[in-house]
């Protein structure tokens, strides 16, 4: 699938152990000229874990995407109604 020029809402949730594998995927999408709209759940955005400090993860994602992370319900509400994305990725998405 061609992602160049696509607006991709990239949502990161808990399962902090996956962040080390997930963040490079964001970089790959940016390298392929996708526009990343980073979104994080409350816990993903605020919790320090043995897998990293929240502020460091946030900084890395902000730098890669070139955008501030959407991390509140109020800021996320317009995503659907305003059709802000072409694609939404939820990572991880446990079954």
PDB file of N, CA and C in Angstrom:
ATOM      1  N   UNK A   1       0.833  -1.180   0.000  1.00  0.00           N
ATOM      2  CA  UNK A   1       0.000   0.000   0.000  1.00  0.00           C
ATOM      3  C   UNK A   1       0.881   1.247   0.000  1.00  0.00           C
ATOM      4  N   UNK A   2       0.572   2.175  -0.856  1.00  0.00           N
ATOM      5  CA  UNK A   2       1.282   3.451  -0.930  1.00  0.00           C
ATOM      6  C   UNK A   2       0.800   4.355   0.201  1.00  0.00           C
ATOM      7  N   UNK A   3       1.720   4.867   1.008  1.00  0.00           N
ATOM      8  CA  UNK A   3       1.342   5.738   2.124  1.00  0.00           C
ATOM      9  C   UNK A   3       1.736   7.196   1.891  1.00  0.00           C
ATOM     10  N   UNK A   4       2.445   7.467   0.820  1.00  0.00           N
ATOM     11  CA  UNK A   4       2.868   8.835   0.540  1.00  0.00           C
ATOM     12  C   UNK A   4       1.654   9.749   0.478  1.00  0.00           C
ATOM     13  N   UNK A   5       1.698  10.818   1.286  1.00  0.00           N
ATOM     14  CA  UNK A   5       0.611  11.791   1.309  1.00  0.00           C
ATOM     15  C   UNK A   5      -0.597  11.387   2.137  1.00  0.00           C
ATOM     16  N   UNK A   6      -0.597  10.188   2.683  1.00  0.00           N
ATOM     17  CA  UNK A   6      -1.709   9.750   3.534  1.00  0.00           C
ATOM     18  C   UNK A   6      -1.552  10.327   4.931  1.00  0.00           C
ATOM     19  N   UNK A   7      -2.679  10.694   5.531  1.00  0.00           N
ATOM     20  CA  UNK A   7      -2.704  11.149   6.920  1.00  0.00           C
ATOM     21  C   UNK A   7      -3.015   9.933   7.783  1.00  0.00           C
ATOM     22  N   UNK A   8      -2.046   9.558   8.588  1.00  0.00           N
ATOM     23  CA  UNK A   8      -2.176   8.352   9.409  1.00  0.00           C
ATOM     24  C   UNK A   8      -2.252   8.742  10.875  1.00  0.00           C
ATOM     25  N   UNK A   9      -3.393   8.467  11.493  1.00  0.00           N
ATOM     26  CA  UNK A   9      -3.525   8.626  12.934  1.00  0.00           C
ATOM     27  C   UNK A   9      -2.869   7.414  13.568  1.00  0.00           C
ATOM     28  N   UNK A  10      -1.798   7.622  14.294  1.00  0.00           N
ATOM     29  CA  UNK A  10      -1.048   6.514  14.896  1.00  0.00           C
ATOM     30  C   UNK A  10      -1.260   6.560  16.396  1.00  0.00           C
ATOM     31  N   UNK A  11      -2.065   5.632  16.894  1.00  0.00           N
ATOM     32  CA  UNK A  11      -2.480   5.608  18.298  1.00  0.00           C
ATOM     33  C   UNK A  11      -1.636   4.595  19.067  1.00  0.00           C
ATOM     34  N   UNK A  12      -1.004   5.065  20.126  1.00  0.00           N
ATOM     35  CA  UNK A  12      -0.242   4.161  20.986  1.00  0.00           C
ATOM     36  C   UNK A  12      -0.969   4.021  22.314  1.00  0.00           C
ATOM     37  N   UNK A  13      -1.157   2.782  22.716  1.00  0.00           N
ATOM     38  CA  UNK A  13      -1.852   2.464  23.964  1.00  0.00           C
ATOM     39  C   UNK A  13      -0.854   1.787  24.899  1.00  0.00           C
ATOM     40  N   UNK A  14      -1.352   1.182  25.955  1.00  0.00           N
ATOM     41  CA  UNK A  14      -0.501   0.463  26.898  1.00  0.00           C
ATOM     42  C   UNK A  14       0.302  -0.636  26.214  1.00  0.00           C
ATOM     43  N   UNK A  15       0.759  -1.605  26.911  1.00  0.00           N
ATOM     44  CA  UNK A  15       1.741  -2.574  26.415  1.00  0.00           C
ATOM     45  C   UNK A  15       3.026  -1.829  26.076  1.00  0.00           C
ATOM     46  N   UNK A  16       3.553  -1.175  27.085  1.00  0.00           N
ATOM     47  CA  UNK A  16       4.739  -0.343  26.951  1.00  0.00           C
ATOM     48  C   UNK A  16       5.928  -1.109  26.380  1.00  0.00           C
ATOM     49  N   UNK A  17       5.930  -2.426  26.576  1.00  0.00           N
ATOM     50  CA  UNK A  17       7.042  -3.244  26.074  1.00  0.00           C
ATOM     51  C   UNK A  17       7.115  -3.228  24.551  1.00  0.00           C
ATOM     52  N   UNK A  18       6.057  -2.808  23.885  1.00  0.00           N
ATOM     53  CA  UNK A  18       6.054  -2.791  22.423  1.00  0.00           C
ATOM     54  C   UNK A  18       6.561  -1.467  21.844  1.00  0.00           C
ATOM     55  N   UNK A  19       6.724  -0.446  22.665  1.00  0.00           N
ATOM     56  CA  UNK A  19       7.101   0.878  22.158  1.00  0.00           C
ATOM     57  C   UNK A  19       8.421   0.858  21.391  1.00  0.00           C
ATOM     58  N   UNK A  20       9.372   0.076  21.857  1.00  0.00           N
ATOM     59  CA  UNK A  20      10.683   0.011  21.205  1.00  0.00           C
ATOM     60  C   UNK A  20      10.557  -0.505  19.767  1.00  0.00           C
ATOM     61  N   UNK A  21       9.551  -1.341  19.505  1.00  0.00           N
ATOM     62  CA  UNK A  21       9.318  -1.851  18.144  1.00  0.00           C
ATOM     63  C   UNK A  21       8.346  -0.966  17.373  1.00  0.00           C
ATOM     64  N   UNK A  22       7.485  -0.253  18.076  1.00  0.00           N
ATOM     65  CA  UNK A  22       6.443   0.546  17.435  1.00  0.00           C
ATOM     66  C   UNK A  22       6.966   1.888  16.924  1.00  0.00           C
ATOM     67  N   UNK A  23       7.787   2.547  17.696  1.00  0.00           N
ATOM     68  CA  UNK A  23       8.282   3.875  17.311  1.00  0.00           C
ATOM     69  C   UNK A  23       9.057   3.844  15.989  1.00  0.00           C
ATOM     70  N   UNK A  24       9.893   2.827  15.733  1.00  0.00           N
ATOM     71  CA  UNK A  24      10.563   2.778  14.428  1.00  0.00           C
ATOM     72  C   UNK A  24       9.581   2.648  13.242  1.00  0.00           C
ATOM     73  N   UNK A  25       8.428   2.089  13.482  1.00  0.00           N
ATOM     74  CA  UNK A  25       7.420   2.006  12.415  1.00  0.00           C
ATOM     75  C   UNK A  25       6.916   3.400  12.065  1.00  0.00           C
ATOM     76  N   UNK A  26       6.737   4.239  13.074  1.00  0.00           N
ATOM     77  CA  UNK A  26       6.346   5.634  12.819  1.00  0.00           C
ATOM     78  C   UNK A  26       7.406   6.298  11.938  1.00  0.00           C
ATOM     79  N   UNK A  27       8.671   6.089  12.278  1.00  0.00           N
ATOM     80  CA  UNK A  27       9.777   6.666  11.494  1.00  0.00           C
ATOM     81  C   UNK A  27       9.733   6.168  10.053  1.00  0.00           C
ATOM     82  N   UNK A  28       9.506   4.884   9.844  1.00  0.00           N
ATOM     83  CA  UNK A  28       9.436   4.330   8.490  1.00  0.00           C
ATOM     84  C   UNK A  28       8.305   4.973   7.690  1.00  0.00           C
ATOM     85  N   UNK A  29       7.168   5.172   8.335  1.00  0.00           N
ATOM     86  CA  UNK A  29       6.037   5.805   7.648  1.00  0.00           C
ATOM     87  C   UNK A  29       6.357   7.247   7.271  1.00  0.00           C
ATOM     88  N   UNK A  30       7.014   7.966   8.169  1.00  0.00           N
ATOM     89  CA  UNK A  30       7.425   9.345   7.876  1.00  0.00           C
ATOM     90  C   UNK A  30       8.420   9.348   6.716  1.00  0.00           C
ATOM     91  N   UNK A  31       9.354   8.405   6.727  1.00  0.00           N
ATOM     92  CA  UNK A  31      10.341   8.301   5.651  1.00  0.00           C
ATOM     93  C   UNK A  31       9.678   8.021   4.300  1.00  0.00           C
ATOM     94  N   UNK A  32       8.515   7.365   4.344  1.00  0.00           N
ATOM     95  CA  UNK A  32       7.761   7.083   3.115  1.00  0.00           C
ATOM     96  C   UNK A  32       6.792   8.213   2.778  1.00  0.00           C
ATOM     97  N   UNK A  33       6.971   9.353   3.466  1.00  0.00           N
ATOM     98  CA  UNK A  33       6.219  10.592   3.203  1.00  0.00           C
ATOM     99  C   UNK A  33       4.764  10.546   3.655  1.00  0.00           C
ATOM    100  N   UNK A  34       4.463   9.709   4.647  1.00  0.00           N
ATOM    101  CA  UNK A  34       3.136   9.743   5.272  1.00  0.00           C
ATOM    102  C   UNK A  34       3.130  10.868   6.293  1.00  0.00           C
ATOM    103  N   UNK A  35       1.964  11.458   6.508  1.00  0.00           N
ATOM    104  CA  UNK A  35       1.800  12.458   7.564  1.00  0.00           C
ATOM    105  C   UNK A  35       1.266  11.736   8.790  1.00  0.00           C
ATOM    106  N   UNK A  36       2.029  11.741   9.848  1.00  0.00           N
ATOM    107  CA  UNK A  36       1.643  11.043  11.073  1.00  0.00           C
ATOM    108  C   UNK A  36       0.974  12.018  12.032  1.00  0.00           C
ATOM    109  N   UNK A  37      -0.187  11.636  12.507  1.00  0.00           N
ATOM    110  CA  UNK A  37      -0.885  12.358  13.570  1.00  0.00           C
ATOM    111  C   UNK A  37      -0.760  11.466  14.802  1.00  0.00           C
ATOM    112  N   UNK A  38       0.186  11.785  15.701  1.00  0.00           N
ATOM    113  CA  UNK A  38       0.410  10.920  16.853  1.00  0.00           C
ATOM    114  C   UNK A  38      -0.658  11.110  17.929  1.00  0.00           C
ATOM    115  N   UNK A  39      -1.126   9.988  18.445  1.00  0.00           N
ATOM    116  CA  UNK A  39      -2.175   9.976  19.469  1.00  0.00           C
ATOM    117  C   UNK A  39      -1.746   8.953  20.516  1.00  0.00           C
ATOM    118  N   UNK A  40      -1.887   9.316  21.790  1.00  0.00           N
ATOM    119  CA  UNK A  40      -1.554   8.370  22.854  1.00  0.00           C
ATOM    120  C   UNK A  40      -2.673   8.329  23.882  1.00  0.00           C
ATOM    121  N   UNK A  41      -2.894   7.137  24.426  1.00  0.00           N
ATOM    122  CA  UNK A  41      -3.831   7.009  25.529  1.00  0.00           C
ATOM    123  C   UNK A  41      -3.257   7.723  26.754  1.00  0.00           C
ATOM    124  N   UNK A  42      -4.104   7.975  27.730  1.00  0.00           N
ATOM    125  CA  UNK A  42      -3.673   8.648  28.960  1.00  0.00           C
ATOM    126  C   UNK A  42      -2.487   7.932  29.591  1.00  0.00           C
ATOM    127  N   UNK A  43      -2.602   6.618  29.767  1.00  0.00           N
ATOM    128  CA  UNK A  43      -1.524   5.871  30.421  1.00  0.00           C
ATOM    129  C   UNK A  43      -0.249   5.880  29.582  1.00  0.00           C
ATOM    130  N   UNK A  44      -0.386   5.694  28.295  1.00  0.00           N
ATOM    131  CA  UNK A  44       0.802   5.696  27.437  1.00  0.00           C
ATOM    132  C   UNK A  44       1.506   7.046  27.496  1.00  0.00           C
ATOM    133  N   UNK A  45       0.744   8.120  27.620  1.00  0.00           N
ATOM    134  CA  UNK A  45       1.298   9.470  27.622  1.00  0.00           C
ATOM    135  C   UNK A  45       1.891   9.877  28.976  1.00  0.00           C
ATOM    136  N   UNK A  46       1.391   9.311  30.058  1.00  0.00           N
ATOM    137  CA  UNK A  46       1.782   9.809  31.378  1.00  0.00           C
ATOM    138  C   UNK A  46       2.625   8.874  32.235  1.00  0.00           C
ATOM    139  N   UNK A  47       2.649   7.605  31.942  1.00  0.00           N
ATOM    140  CA  UNK A  47       3.288   6.642  32.853  1.00  0.00           C
ATOM    141  C   UNK A  47       4.735   6.341  32.480  1.00  0.00           C
ATOM    142  N   UNK A  48       5.621   6.476  33.468  1.00  0.00           N
ATOM    143  CA  UNK A  48       6.985   5.988  33.340  1.00  0.00           C
ATOM    144  C   UNK A  48       6.957   4.496  33.659  1.00  0.00           C
ATOM    145  N   UNK A  49       7.703   3.719  32.908  1.00  0.00           N
ATOM    146  CA  UNK A  49       7.763   2.278  33.162  1.00  0.00           C
ATOM    147  C   UNK A  49       9.205   1.813  33.047  1.00  0.00           C
ATOM    148  N   UNK A  50       9.415   0.553  33.287  1.00  0.00           N
ATOM    149  CA  UNK A  50      10.770   0.008  33.132  1.00  0.00           C
ATOM    150  C   UNK A  50      11.206   0.040  31.664  1.00  0.00           C
ATOM    151  N   UNK A  51      10.270   0.310  30.759  1.00  0.00           N
ATOM    152  CA  UNK A  51      10.589   0.374  29.333  1.00  0.00           C
ATOM    153  C   UNK A  51      10.927   1.790  28.874  1.00  0.00           C
ATOM    154  N   UNK A  52      10.812   2.760  29.764  1.00  0.00           N
ATOM    155  CA  UNK A  52      11.199   4.127  29.426  1.00  0.00           C
ATOM    156  C   UNK A  52      10.380   5.167  30.153  1.00  0.00           C
ATOM    157  N   UNK A  53      10.904   6.367  30.175  1.00  0.00           N
ATOM    158  CA  UNK A  53      10.203   7.501  30.789  1.00  0.00           C
ATOM    159  C   UNK A  53       9.255   8.112  29.762  1.00  0.00           C
ATOM    160  N   UNK A  54       8.070   8.464  30.213  1.00  0.00           N
ATOM    161  CA  UNK A  54       7.049   9.021  29.323  1.00  0.00           C
ATOM    162  C   UNK A  54       7.580  10.239  28.574  1.00  0.00           C
ATOM    163  N   UNK A  55       8.269  11.136  29.264  1.00  0.00           N
ATOM    164  CA  UNK A  55       8.761  12.370  28.621  1.00  0.00           C
ATOM    165  C   UNK A  55       9.733  12.062  27.491  1.00  0.00           C
ATOM    166  N   UNK A  56      10.534  11.017  27.628  1.00  0.00           N
ATOM    167  CA  UNK A  56      11.493  10.649  26.580  1.00  0.00           C
ATOM    168  C   UNK A  56      10.778  10.059  25.362  1.00  0.00           C
ATOM    169  N   UNK A  57       9.782   9.242  25.625  1.00  0.00           N
ATOM    170  CA  UNK A  57       8.998   8.639  24.540  1.00  0.00           C
ATOM    171  C   UNK A  57       8.234   9.729  23.795  1.00  0.00           C
ATOM    172  N   UNK A  58       7.630  10.633  24.530  1.00  0.00           N
ATOM    173  CA  UNK A  58       6.886  11.750  23.928  1.00  0.00           C
ATOM    174  C   UNK A  58       7.813  12.597  23.056  1.00  0.00           C
ATOM    175  N   UNK A  59       8.974  12.925  23.585  1.00  0.00           N
ATOM    176  CA  UNK A  59       9.936  13.746  22.830  1.00  0.00           C
ATOM    177  C   UNK A  59      10.315  13.061  21.523  1.00  0.00           C
ATOM    178  N   UNK A  60      10.595  11.771  21.583  1.00  0.00           N
ATOM    179  CA  UNK A  60      10.994  11.024  20.387  1.00  0.00           C
ATOM    180  C   UNK A  60       9.880  11.020  19.334  1.00  0.00           C
ATOM    181  N   UNK A  61       8.658  10.767  19.764  1.00  0.00           N
ATOM    182  CA  UNK A  61       7.536  10.736  18.821  1.00  0.00           C
ATOM    183  C   UNK A  61       7.277  12.128  18.236  1.00  0.00           C
ATOM    184  N   UNK A  62       7.345  13.158  19.076  1.00  0.00           N
ATOM    185  CA  UNK A  62       7.167  14.529  18.585  1.00  0.00           C
ATOM    186  C   UNK A  62       8.214  14.871  17.530  1.00  0.00           C
ATOM    187  N   UNK A  63       9.455  14.493  17.788  1.00  0.00           N
ATOM    188  CA  UNK A  63      10.536  14.790  16.846  1.00  0.00           C
ATOM    189  C   UNK A  63      10.364  14.038  15.531  1.00  0.00           C
ATOM    190  N   UNK A  64       9.998  12.770  15.606  1.00  0.00           N
ATOM    191  CA  UNK A  64       9.825  11.972  14.394  1.00  0.00           C
ATOM    192  C   UNK A  64       8.654  12.481  13.563  1.00  0.00           C
ATOM    193  N   UNK A  65       7.533  12.733  14.232  1.00  0.00           N
ATOM    194  CA  UNK A  65       6.308  13.107  13.505  1.00  0.00           C
ATOM    195  C   UNK A  65       6.262  14.587  13.137  1.00  0.00           C
ATOM    196  N   UNK A  66       6.993  15.398  13.890  1.00  0.00           N
ATOM    197  CA  UNK A  66       6.928  16.841  13.680  1.00  0.00           C
ATOM    198  C   UNK A  66       5.637  17.446  14.199  1.00  0.00           C
ATOM    199  N   UNK A  67       4.921  16.698  15.029  1.00  0.00           N
ATOM    200  CA  UNK A  67       3.645  17.159  15.575  1.00  0.00           C
ATOM    201  C   UNK A  67       3.572  16.859  17.069  1.00  0.00           C
ATOM    202  N   UNK A  68       2.765  17.654  17.756  1.00  0.00           N
ATOM    203  CA  UNK A  68       2.471  17.383  19.161  1.00  0.00           C
ATOM    204  C   UNK A  68       1.504  16.197  19.235  1.00  0.00           C
ATOM    205  N   UNK A  69       1.652  15.407  20.259  1.00  0.00           N
ATOM    206  CA  UNK A  69       0.811  14.225  20.440  1.00  0.00           C
ATOM    207  C   UNK A  69      -0.560  14.626  20.970  1.00  0.00           C
ATOM    208  N   UNK A  70      -1.585  14.090  20.359  1.00  0.00           N
ATOM    209  CA  UNK A  70      -2.949  14.230  20.879  1.00  0.00           C
ATOM    210  C   UNK A  70      -3.062  13.236  22.031  1.00  0.00           C
ATOM    211  N   UNK A  71      -3.422  13.729  23.224  1.00  0.00           N
ATOM    212  CA  UNK A  71      -3.441  12.824  24.377  1.00  0.00           C
ATOM    213  C   UNK A  71      -4.627  13.057  25.323  1.00  0.00           C
ATOM    214  N   UNK A  72      -5.572  13.877  24.904  1.00  0.00           N
ATOM    215  CA  UNK A  72      -6.775  14.048  25.721  1.00  0.00           C
ATOM    216  C   UNK A  72      -8.002  13.707  24.885  1.00  0.00           C
ATOM    217  N   UNK A  73      -9.056  13.347  25.558  1.00  0.00           N
ATOM    218  CA  UNK A  73     -10.309  13.041  24.856  1.00  0.00           C
ATOM    219  C   UNK A  73     -10.790  14.265  24.100  1.00  0.00           C
ATOM    220  N   UNK A  74     -10.688  15.432  24.727  1.00  0.00           N
ATOM    221  CA  UNK A  74     -11.164  16.662  24.083  1.00  0.00           C
ATOM    222  C   UNK A  74     -10.407  16.934  22.782  1.00  0.00           C
ATOM    223  N   UNK A  75      -9.102  16.724  22.780  1.00  0.00           N
ATOM    224  CA  UNK A  75      -8.313  16.959  21.575  1.00  0.00           C
ATOM    225  C   UNK A  75      -8.534  15.878  20.512  1.00  0.00           C
ATOM    226  N   UNK A  76      -8.912  14.684  20.955  1.00  0.00           N
ATOM    227  CA  UNK A  76      -9.141  13.588  20.013  1.00  0.00           C
ATOM    228  C   UNK A  76     -10.541  13.619  19.393  1.00  0.00           C
ATOM    229  N   UNK A  77     -11.490  14.254  20.059  1.00  0.00           N
ATOM    230  CA  UNK A  77     -12.879  14.240  19.580  1.00  0.00           C
ATOM    231  C   UNK A  77     -13.050  14.678  18.127  1.00  0.00           C
ATOM    232  N   UNK A  78     -12.355  15.687  17.632  1.00  0.00           N
ATOM    233  CA  UNK A  78     -12.576  16.131  16.247  1.00  0.00           C
ATOM    234  C   UNK A  78     -12.018  15.191  15.166  1.00  0.00           C
ATOM    235  N   UNK A  79     -11.207  14.220  15.532  1.00  0.00           N
ATOM    236  CA  UNK A  79     -10.539  13.382  14.539  1.00  0.00           C
ATOM    237  C   UNK A  79     -11.531  12.760  13.560  1.00  0.00           C
ATOM    238  N   UNK A  80     -12.569  12.130  14.061  1.00  0.00           N
ATOM    239  CA  UNK A  80     -13.563  11.499  13.183  1.00  0.00           C
ATOM    240  C   UNK A  80     -14.439  12.490  12.447  1.00  0.00           C
ATOM    241  N   UNK A  81     -15.136  13.360  13.168  1.00  0.00           N
ATOM    242  CA  UNK A  81     -16.033  14.297  12.505  1.00  0.00           C
ATOM    243  C   UNK A  81     -15.353  15.201  11.475  1.00  0.00           C
ATOM    244  N   UNK A  82     -14.115  15.585  11.735  1.00  0.00           N
ATOM    245  CA  UNK A  82     -13.404  16.464  10.797  1.00  0.00           C
ATOM    246  C   UNK A  82     -12.616  15.677   9.747  1.00  0.00           C
ATOM    247  N   UNK A  83     -12.739  14.332   9.810  1.00  0.00           N
ATOM    248  CA  UNK A  83     -12.040  13.460   8.856  1.00  0.00           C
ATOM    249  C   UNK A  83     -10.557  13.830   8.754  1.00  0.00           C
ATOM    250  N   UNK A  84      -9.915  13.858   9.914  1.00  0.00           N
ATOM    251  CA  UNK A  84      -8.521  14.285   9.995  1.00  0.00           C
ATOM    252  C   UNK A  84      -7.531  13.222   9.530  1.00  0.00           C
ATOM    253  N   UNK A  85      -7.989  11.976   9.350  1.00  0.00           N
ATOM    254  CA  UNK A  85      -7.078  10.901   8.949  1.00  0.00           C
ATOM    255  C   UNK A  85      -7.646  10.122   7.770  1.00  0.00           C
ATOM    256  N   UNK A  86      -6.735   9.504   7.037  1.00  0.00           N
ATOM    257  CA  UNK A  86      -7.112   8.547   6.000  1.00  0.00           C
ATOM    258  C   UNK A  86      -7.087   7.134   6.566  1.00  0.00           C
ATOM    259  N   UNK A  87      -6.198   6.933   7.523  1.00  0.00           N
ATOM    260  CA  UNK A  87      -5.954   5.604   8.113  1.00  0.00           C
ATOM    261  C   UNK A  87      -5.729   5.807   9.605  1.00  0.00           C
ATOM    262  N   UNK A  88      -6.191   4.848  10.412  1.00  0.00           N
ATOM    263  CA  UNK A  88      -5.885   4.847  11.836  1.00  0.00           C
ATOM    264  C   UNK A  88      -5.164   3.543  12.160  1.00  0.00           C
ATOM    265  N   UNK A  89      -4.057   3.665  12.874  1.00  0.00           N
ATOM    266  CA  UNK A  89      -3.302   2.515  13.350  1.00  0.00           C
ATOM    267  C   UNK A  89      -3.400   2.528  14.870  1.00  0.00           C
ATOM    268  N   UNK A  90      -3.775   1.398  15.449  1.00  0.00           N
ATOM    269  CA  UNK A  90      -3.808   1.250  16.904  1.00  0.00           C
ATOM    270  C   UNK A  90      -2.691   0.272  17.265  1.00  0.00           C
ATOM    271  N   UNK A  91      -1.724   0.744  18.043  1.00  0.00           N
ATOM    272  CA  UNK A  91      -0.582  -0.097  18.332  1.00  0.00           C
ATOM    273  C   UNK A  91      -0.217   0.004  19.810  1.00  0.00           C
ATOM    274  N   UNK A  92      -0.191  -1.054  20.519  1.00  0.00           N
ATOM    275  CA  UNK A  92      -0.578  -2.385  20.079  1.00  0.00           C
ATOM    276  C   UNK A  92      -2.098  -2.535  20.094  1.00  0.00           C
ATOM    277  N   UNK A  93      -2.537  -3.532  19.422  1.00  0.00           N
ATOM    278  CA  UNK A  93      -3.969  -3.838  19.400  1.00  0.00           C
ATOM    279  C   UNK A  93      -4.110  -5.298  19.794  1.00  0.00           C
ATOM    280  N   UNK A  94      -4.227  -5.532  21.090  1.00  0.00           N
ATOM    281  CA  UNK A  94      -4.285  -6.903  21.610  1.00  0.00           C
ATOM    282  C   UNK A  94      -5.588  -7.576  21.208  1.00  0.00           C
ATOM    283  N   UNK A  95      -5.518  -8.850  21.075  1.00  0.00           N
ATOM    284  CA  UNK A  95      -6.737  -9.597  20.740  1.00  0.00           C
ATOM    285  C   UNK A  95      -7.275 -10.336  21.914  1.00  0.00           C
TER     286      UNK A  95
END
